[in-house]
N, C-alpha and C. Protein backbone atom coordinates (compact mmCIF):
# COMPACT_ATOMS: atom_id res chain seq x y z
N UNK A 1 84.29 32.65 18.51
CA UNK A 1 84.79 31.40 17.97
C UNK A 1 86.08 31.00 18.65
N UNK A 2 86.20 29.74 18.87
CA UNK A 2 87.37 29.21 19.56
C UNK A 2 88.39 28.71 18.53
N UNK A 3 89.66 28.94 18.83
CA UNK A 3 90.72 28.47 17.94
C UNK A 3 91.35 27.18 18.45
N UNK A 4 90.68 26.54 19.41
CA UNK A 4 91.19 25.29 19.96
C UNK A 4 91.03 24.17 18.94
N UNK A 5 92.00 23.23 18.92
CA UNK A 5 91.86 22.10 18.00
C UNK A 5 90.72 21.20 18.46
N UNK A 6 90.12 20.53 17.53
CA UNK A 6 89.01 19.64 17.88
C UNK A 6 89.55 18.46 18.68
N UNK A 7 88.69 17.94 19.55
CA UNK A 7 89.10 16.84 20.42
C UNK A 7 89.38 15.57 19.62
N UNK A 8 88.71 15.42 18.50
CA UNK A 8 88.88 14.22 17.69
C UNK A 8 89.53 14.62 16.37
N UNK A 9 90.70 14.06 16.10
CA UNK A 9 91.39 14.40 14.87
C UNK A 9 91.10 13.34 13.81
N UNK A 10 91.37 13.70 12.59
CA UNK A 10 91.13 12.80 11.46
C UNK A 10 92.25 11.77 11.38
N UNK A 11 91.94 10.47 11.43
CA UNK A 11 92.99 9.44 11.39
C UNK A 11 93.84 9.51 10.11
N UNK A 12 93.23 9.87 9.00
CA UNK A 12 93.98 9.94 7.75
C UNK A 12 94.97 11.10 7.78
N UNK A 13 94.55 12.22 8.32
CA UNK A 13 95.45 13.37 8.44
C UNK A 13 96.63 13.04 9.35
N UNK A 14 96.33 12.36 10.46
CA UNK A 14 97.40 11.94 11.37
C UNK A 14 98.35 10.97 10.68
N UNK A 15 97.78 10.05 9.92
CA UNK A 15 98.59 9.07 9.20
C UNK A 15 99.50 9.76 8.19
N UNK A 16 98.95 10.68 7.43
CA UNK A 16 99.75 11.41 6.44
C UNK A 16 100.86 12.20 7.12
N UNK A 17 100.55 12.78 8.25
CA UNK A 17 101.56 13.53 9.00
C UNK A 17 102.68 12.61 9.47
N UNK A 18 102.31 11.42 9.96
CA UNK A 18 103.33 10.44 10.37
C UNK A 18 104.19 10.03 9.19
N UNK A 19 103.58 9.81 8.05
CA UNK A 19 104.34 9.41 6.86
C UNK A 19 105.35 10.49 6.49
N UNK A 20 104.90 11.73 6.56
CA UNK A 20 105.79 12.86 6.26
C UNK A 20 106.99 12.87 7.21
N UNK A 21 106.70 12.69 8.50
CA UNK A 21 107.76 12.71 9.51
C UNK A 21 108.74 11.56 9.33
N UNK A 22 108.21 10.35 9.15
CA UNK A 22 109.08 9.19 9.00
C UNK A 22 109.87 9.25 7.71
N UNK A 23 109.27 9.73 6.66
CA UNK A 23 109.98 9.86 5.39
C UNK A 23 111.15 10.83 5.54
N UNK A 24 110.88 11.96 6.17
CA UNK A 24 111.93 12.96 6.38
C UNK A 24 113.04 12.40 7.28
N UNK A 25 112.64 11.70 8.33
CA UNK A 25 113.61 11.10 9.25
C UNK A 25 114.52 10.12 8.51
N UNK A 26 113.91 9.22 7.73
CA UNK A 26 114.71 8.22 7.00
C UNK A 26 115.59 8.87 5.94
N UNK A 27 115.06 9.90 5.29
CA UNK A 27 115.85 10.61 4.28
C UNK A 27 117.10 11.22 4.93
N UNK A 28 116.92 11.88 6.06
CA UNK A 28 118.06 12.50 6.75
C UNK A 28 119.04 11.46 7.25
N UNK A 29 118.53 10.39 7.83
CA UNK A 29 119.41 9.32 8.32
C UNK A 29 120.18 8.68 7.16
N UNK A 30 119.51 8.46 6.06
CA UNK A 30 120.19 7.86 4.90
C UNK A 30 121.32 8.78 4.42
N UNK A 31 121.06 10.07 4.39
CA UNK A 31 122.10 11.02 3.96
C UNK A 31 123.29 10.99 4.91
N UNK A 32 123.02 10.97 6.22
CA UNK A 32 124.12 10.96 7.19
C UNK A 32 124.94 9.68 7.10
N UNK A 33 124.26 8.53 7.07
CA UNK A 33 124.99 7.27 7.00
C UNK A 33 125.71 7.11 5.67
N UNK A 34 125.15 7.66 4.60
CA UNK A 34 125.82 7.61 3.30
C UNK A 34 127.13 8.39 3.36
N UNK A 35 127.09 9.56 3.96
CA UNK A 35 128.30 10.38 4.10
C UNK A 35 129.35 9.65 4.92
N UNK A 36 128.93 9.06 6.03
CA UNK A 36 129.86 8.32 6.88
C UNK A 36 130.43 7.12 6.13
N UNK A 37 129.58 6.42 5.41
CA UNK A 37 130.03 5.25 4.65
C UNK A 37 131.07 5.63 3.61
N UNK A 38 130.77 6.63 2.79
CA UNK A 38 131.71 6.99 1.73
C UNK A 38 132.99 7.62 2.28
N UNK A 39 132.90 8.35 3.37
CA UNK A 39 134.10 8.92 3.98
C UNK A 39 135.00 7.81 4.53
N UNK A 40 134.38 6.82 5.19
CA UNK A 40 135.20 5.73 5.74
C UNK A 40 135.79 4.87 4.63
N UNK A 41 135.04 4.63 3.57
CA UNK A 41 135.58 3.87 2.44
C UNK A 41 136.75 4.60 1.80
N UNK A 42 136.59 5.90 1.60
CA UNK A 42 137.66 6.69 0.99
C UNK A 42 138.90 6.70 1.88
N UNK A 43 138.70 6.85 3.18
CA UNK A 43 139.82 6.84 4.11
C UNK A 43 140.51 5.48 4.12
N UNK A 44 139.73 4.41 4.06
CA UNK A 44 140.34 3.07 4.00
C UNK A 44 141.21 2.91 2.77
N UNK A 45 140.74 3.37 1.64
CA UNK A 45 141.52 3.27 0.41
C UNK A 45 142.79 4.09 0.52
N UNK A 46 142.65 5.34 0.97
CA UNK A 46 143.82 6.22 1.09
C UNK A 46 144.85 5.64 2.05
N UNK A 47 144.41 5.30 3.27
CA UNK A 47 145.37 4.80 4.26
C UNK A 47 145.87 3.40 3.91
N UNK A 48 145.08 2.61 3.19
CA UNK A 48 145.56 1.32 2.70
C UNK A 48 146.70 1.50 1.72
N UNK A 49 146.56 2.47 0.84
CA UNK A 49 147.63 2.76 -0.12
C UNK A 49 148.87 3.26 0.61
N UNK A 50 148.66 4.14 1.60
CA UNK A 50 149.79 4.69 2.34
C UNK A 50 150.48 3.62 3.18
N UNK A 51 149.76 2.57 3.54
CA UNK A 51 150.34 1.49 4.32
C UNK A 51 151.17 0.54 3.45
N UNK A 52 150.86 0.52 2.16
CA UNK A 52 151.59 -0.39 1.28
C UNK A 52 153.08 -0.05 1.28
N UNK A 53 153.89 -1.04 1.05
CA UNK A 53 155.35 -0.89 1.13
C UNK A 53 155.89 0.15 0.17
N UNK A 54 155.38 0.20 -1.03
CA UNK A 54 155.95 1.08 -2.06
C UNK A 54 155.55 2.56 -1.89
N UNK A 55 154.43 2.82 -1.28
CA UNK A 55 153.99 4.21 -1.15
C UNK A 55 154.92 5.00 -0.25
N UNK A 56 155.36 4.40 0.85
CA UNK A 56 156.26 5.13 1.75
C UNK A 56 157.67 5.22 1.23
N UNK A 57 158.06 4.33 0.32
CA UNK A 57 159.38 4.43 -0.31
C UNK A 57 159.39 5.62 -1.27
N UNK A 58 158.30 5.81 -1.98
CA UNK A 58 158.22 6.91 -2.94
C UNK A 58 158.19 8.26 -2.24
N UNK A 59 157.65 8.30 -1.04
CA UNK A 59 157.60 9.56 -0.27
C UNK A 59 158.33 9.29 1.05
N UNK A 60 159.64 9.53 1.08
CA UNK A 60 160.48 9.13 2.21
C UNK A 60 160.06 9.67 3.58
N UNK A 61 159.55 10.90 3.65
CA UNK A 61 159.20 11.45 4.97
C UNK A 61 157.98 10.77 5.60
N UNK A 62 157.29 9.90 4.83
CA UNK A 62 156.15 9.17 5.37
C UNK A 62 156.55 7.82 5.98
N UNK A 63 157.78 7.39 5.74
CA UNK A 63 158.22 6.08 6.23
C UNK A 63 158.06 5.92 7.74
N UNK A 64 158.40 6.93 8.55
CA UNK A 64 158.26 6.75 10.01
C UNK A 64 156.80 6.61 10.48
N UNK A 65 155.85 7.11 9.71
CA UNK A 65 154.44 7.04 10.15
C UNK A 65 153.68 5.87 9.51
N UNK A 66 154.40 5.02 8.81
CA UNK A 66 153.74 3.87 8.16
C UNK A 66 152.97 3.01 9.17
N UNK A 67 153.50 2.71 10.34
CA UNK A 67 152.72 1.92 11.31
C UNK A 67 151.42 2.63 11.73
N UNK A 68 151.47 3.95 11.81
CA UNK A 68 150.27 4.72 12.15
C UNK A 68 149.18 4.52 11.08
N UNK A 69 149.58 4.51 9.83
CA UNK A 69 148.61 4.30 8.74
C UNK A 69 147.94 2.93 8.88
N UNK A 70 148.74 1.93 9.23
CA UNK A 70 148.18 0.60 9.44
C UNK A 70 147.18 0.59 10.60
N UNK A 71 147.53 1.31 11.65
CA UNK A 71 146.62 1.42 12.80
C UNK A 71 145.31 2.10 12.40
N UNK A 72 145.39 3.15 11.59
CA UNK A 72 144.19 3.86 11.14
C UNK A 72 143.31 2.93 10.29
N UNK A 73 143.93 2.15 9.41
CA UNK A 73 143.16 1.19 8.60
C UNK A 73 142.43 0.20 9.50
N UNK A 74 143.12 -0.32 10.51
CA UNK A 74 142.49 -1.27 11.43
C UNK A 74 141.36 -0.61 12.22
N UNK A 75 141.58 0.63 12.65
CA UNK A 75 140.57 1.35 13.42
C UNK A 75 139.31 1.62 12.58
N UNK A 76 139.49 2.11 11.37
CA UNK A 76 138.35 2.41 10.50
C UNK A 76 137.60 1.12 10.15
N UNK A 77 138.33 0.05 9.90
CA UNK A 77 137.69 -1.23 9.60
C UNK A 77 136.86 -1.70 10.79
N UNK A 78 137.41 -1.57 11.98
CA UNK A 78 136.67 -1.96 13.19
C UNK A 78 135.41 -1.14 13.38
N UNK A 79 135.50 0.15 13.13
CA UNK A 79 134.32 1.01 13.25
C UNK A 79 133.26 0.66 12.21
N UNK A 80 133.71 0.34 11.01
CA UNK A 80 132.75 -0.06 9.97
C UNK A 80 132.05 -1.36 10.33
N UNK A 81 132.79 -2.30 10.89
CA UNK A 81 132.19 -3.57 11.29
C UNK A 81 131.20 -3.35 12.44
N UNK A 82 131.56 -2.48 13.37
CA UNK A 82 130.70 -2.24 14.54
C UNK A 82 129.43 -1.46 14.18
N UNK A 83 129.58 -0.41 13.40
CA UNK A 83 128.44 0.48 13.14
C UNK A 83 127.70 0.19 11.83
N UNK A 84 128.31 -0.55 10.94
CA UNK A 84 127.69 -0.95 9.67
C UNK A 84 127.02 0.23 8.94
N UNK A 85 127.78 1.25 8.58
CA UNK A 85 127.17 2.41 7.93
C UNK A 85 126.53 2.10 6.58
N UNK A 86 127.08 1.14 5.84
CA UNK A 86 126.48 0.82 4.54
C UNK A 86 125.09 0.21 4.72
N UNK A 87 124.97 -0.70 5.67
CA UNK A 87 123.68 -1.34 5.94
C UNK A 87 122.65 -0.32 6.40
N UNK A 88 123.06 0.58 7.29
CA UNK A 88 122.14 1.59 7.81
C UNK A 88 121.75 2.58 6.72
N UNK A 89 122.70 2.95 5.91
CA UNK A 89 122.41 3.88 4.82
C UNK A 89 121.39 3.28 3.86
N UNK A 90 121.62 2.03 3.45
CA UNK A 90 120.72 1.39 2.48
C UNK A 90 119.35 1.11 3.09
N UNK A 91 119.30 0.70 4.36
CA UNK A 91 118.02 0.41 5.01
C UNK A 91 117.17 1.67 5.12
N UNK A 92 117.79 2.78 5.50
CA UNK A 92 117.04 4.03 5.61
C UNK A 92 116.60 4.54 4.24
N UNK A 93 117.43 4.35 3.23
CA UNK A 93 117.05 4.79 1.88
C UNK A 93 115.85 3.99 1.37
N UNK A 94 115.87 2.68 1.59
CA UNK A 94 114.75 1.83 1.17
C UNK A 94 113.48 2.20 1.93
N UNK A 95 113.61 2.37 3.25
CA UNK A 95 112.44 2.74 4.07
C UNK A 95 111.89 4.10 3.63
N UNK A 96 112.76 5.03 3.32
CA UNK A 96 112.31 6.35 2.84
C UNK A 96 111.48 6.20 1.58
N UNK A 97 111.95 5.38 0.64
CA UNK A 97 111.19 5.15 -0.59
C UNK A 97 109.84 4.51 -0.30
N UNK A 98 109.84 3.55 0.61
CA UNK A 98 108.57 2.88 0.95
C UNK A 98 107.60 3.82 1.64
N UNK A 99 108.11 4.67 2.53
CA UNK A 99 107.25 5.66 3.20
C UNK A 99 106.67 6.64 2.17
N UNK A 100 107.50 7.04 1.22
CA UNK A 100 107.01 7.96 0.17
C UNK A 100 105.91 7.31 -0.66
N UNK A 101 106.09 6.03 -1.00
CA UNK A 101 105.06 5.32 -1.76
C UNK A 101 103.77 5.20 -0.95
N UNK A 102 103.91 4.92 0.32
CA UNK A 102 102.74 4.79 1.18
C UNK A 102 102.04 6.14 1.35
N UNK A 103 102.81 7.18 1.46
CA UNK A 103 102.23 8.52 1.56
C UNK A 103 101.47 8.86 0.28
N UNK A 104 102.00 8.44 -0.86
CA UNK A 104 101.32 8.68 -2.14
C UNK A 104 100.00 7.91 -2.17
N UNK A 105 100.03 6.65 -1.73
CA UNK A 105 98.79 5.87 -1.67
C UNK A 105 97.77 6.55 -0.77
N UNK A 106 98.23 7.09 0.35
CA UNK A 106 97.32 7.73 1.31
C UNK A 106 96.68 8.98 0.71
N UNK A 107 97.34 9.59 -0.24
CA UNK A 107 96.77 10.80 -0.84
C UNK A 107 95.54 10.48 -1.70
N UNK A 108 95.35 9.22 -2.05
CA UNK A 108 94.20 8.82 -2.86
C UNK A 108 93.05 8.22 -2.03
N UNK A 109 93.21 8.23 -0.72
CA UNK A 109 92.20 7.65 0.17
C UNK A 109 91.33 8.76 0.74
N UNK A 110 90.03 8.50 0.79
CA UNK A 110 89.10 9.46 1.38
C UNK A 110 89.18 9.37 2.90
N UNK A 111 88.87 10.45 3.57
CA UNK A 111 88.95 10.51 5.03
C UNK A 111 88.06 9.49 5.73
N UNK A 112 86.89 9.22 5.21
CA UNK A 112 85.96 8.31 5.86
C UNK A 112 86.18 6.84 5.57
N UNK A 113 87.14 6.50 4.73
CA UNK A 113 87.34 5.11 4.32
C UNK A 113 88.23 4.38 5.34
N UNK A 114 87.61 3.91 6.43
CA UNK A 114 88.38 3.31 7.53
C UNK A 114 89.07 2.01 7.11
N UNK A 115 88.49 1.26 6.19
CA UNK A 115 89.10 0.01 5.74
C UNK A 115 90.43 0.29 5.04
N UNK A 116 90.44 1.28 4.16
CA UNK A 116 91.68 1.64 3.44
C UNK A 116 92.73 2.18 4.42
N UNK A 117 92.26 2.97 5.38
CA UNK A 117 93.20 3.53 6.37
C UNK A 117 93.84 2.41 7.18
N UNK A 118 93.05 1.40 7.56
CA UNK A 118 93.60 0.24 8.28
C UNK A 118 94.62 -0.51 7.43
N UNK A 119 94.34 -0.67 6.15
CA UNK A 119 95.29 -1.33 5.24
C UNK A 119 96.60 -0.55 5.17
N UNK A 120 96.49 0.76 5.08
CA UNK A 120 97.69 1.60 5.04
C UNK A 120 98.47 1.48 6.35
N UNK A 121 97.76 1.43 7.46
CA UNK A 121 98.43 1.31 8.76
C UNK A 121 99.14 -0.04 8.89
N UNK A 122 98.55 -1.09 8.34
CA UNK A 122 99.21 -2.40 8.35
C UNK A 122 100.48 -2.37 7.50
N UNK A 123 100.39 -1.73 6.35
CA UNK A 123 101.56 -1.60 5.48
C UNK A 123 102.65 -0.77 6.17
N UNK A 124 102.22 0.27 6.86
CA UNK A 124 103.13 1.12 7.62
C UNK A 124 103.86 0.29 8.70
N UNK A 125 103.13 -0.56 9.40
CA UNK A 125 103.73 -1.40 10.43
C UNK A 125 104.75 -2.38 9.81
N UNK A 126 104.45 -2.88 8.62
CA UNK A 126 105.38 -3.78 7.94
C UNK A 126 106.68 -3.06 7.56
N UNK A 127 106.55 -1.84 7.10
CA UNK A 127 107.75 -1.06 6.75
C UNK A 127 108.60 -0.85 8.00
N UNK A 128 107.95 -0.48 9.11
CA UNK A 128 108.68 -0.27 10.36
C UNK A 128 109.38 -1.55 10.80
N UNK A 129 108.70 -2.68 10.65
CA UNK A 129 109.28 -3.96 11.03
C UNK A 129 110.50 -4.28 10.19
N UNK A 130 110.39 -4.08 8.87
CA UNK A 130 111.54 -4.35 7.98
C UNK A 130 112.72 -3.44 8.31
N UNK A 131 112.42 -2.19 8.64
CA UNK A 131 113.50 -1.25 8.99
C UNK A 131 114.20 -1.69 10.27
N UNK A 132 113.42 -2.08 11.27
CA UNK A 132 114.02 -2.54 12.53
C UNK A 132 114.88 -3.78 12.32
N UNK A 133 114.40 -4.71 11.51
CA UNK A 133 115.16 -5.94 11.25
C UNK A 133 116.46 -5.62 10.50
N UNK A 134 116.38 -4.70 9.56
CA UNK A 134 117.57 -4.35 8.76
C UNK A 134 118.63 -3.64 9.58
N UNK A 135 118.24 -2.95 10.62
CA UNK A 135 119.20 -2.22 11.42
C UNK A 135 119.69 -3.09 12.56
């Protein structure tokens, strides 16, 4: 007996495998962008407070570095505008949910039902399109 894979694979199995991969990818990306988003937001709040006039008066040894705090606020704001971590985090989270729903739908489809598989593939393409537009 040969242990070679068959030349023709099951389209539904391939589809389910793709859903698993894309769902995991979006889940991981959402987690990474969420971490970046919340870290940058927290840093903006902290350095914004430190840039305020009264914060450096209350802590005298910080007065000489006040301009640096302002620079950090401007830098973080620029990076947020350029990379849009909130948008990327939310888009990947939504796509992950949609991939999971599609994977669930695929679990109720029989292997030989080519019409249902085509419908799932069309829905899959729509999710990919929405994700690309959102990013």
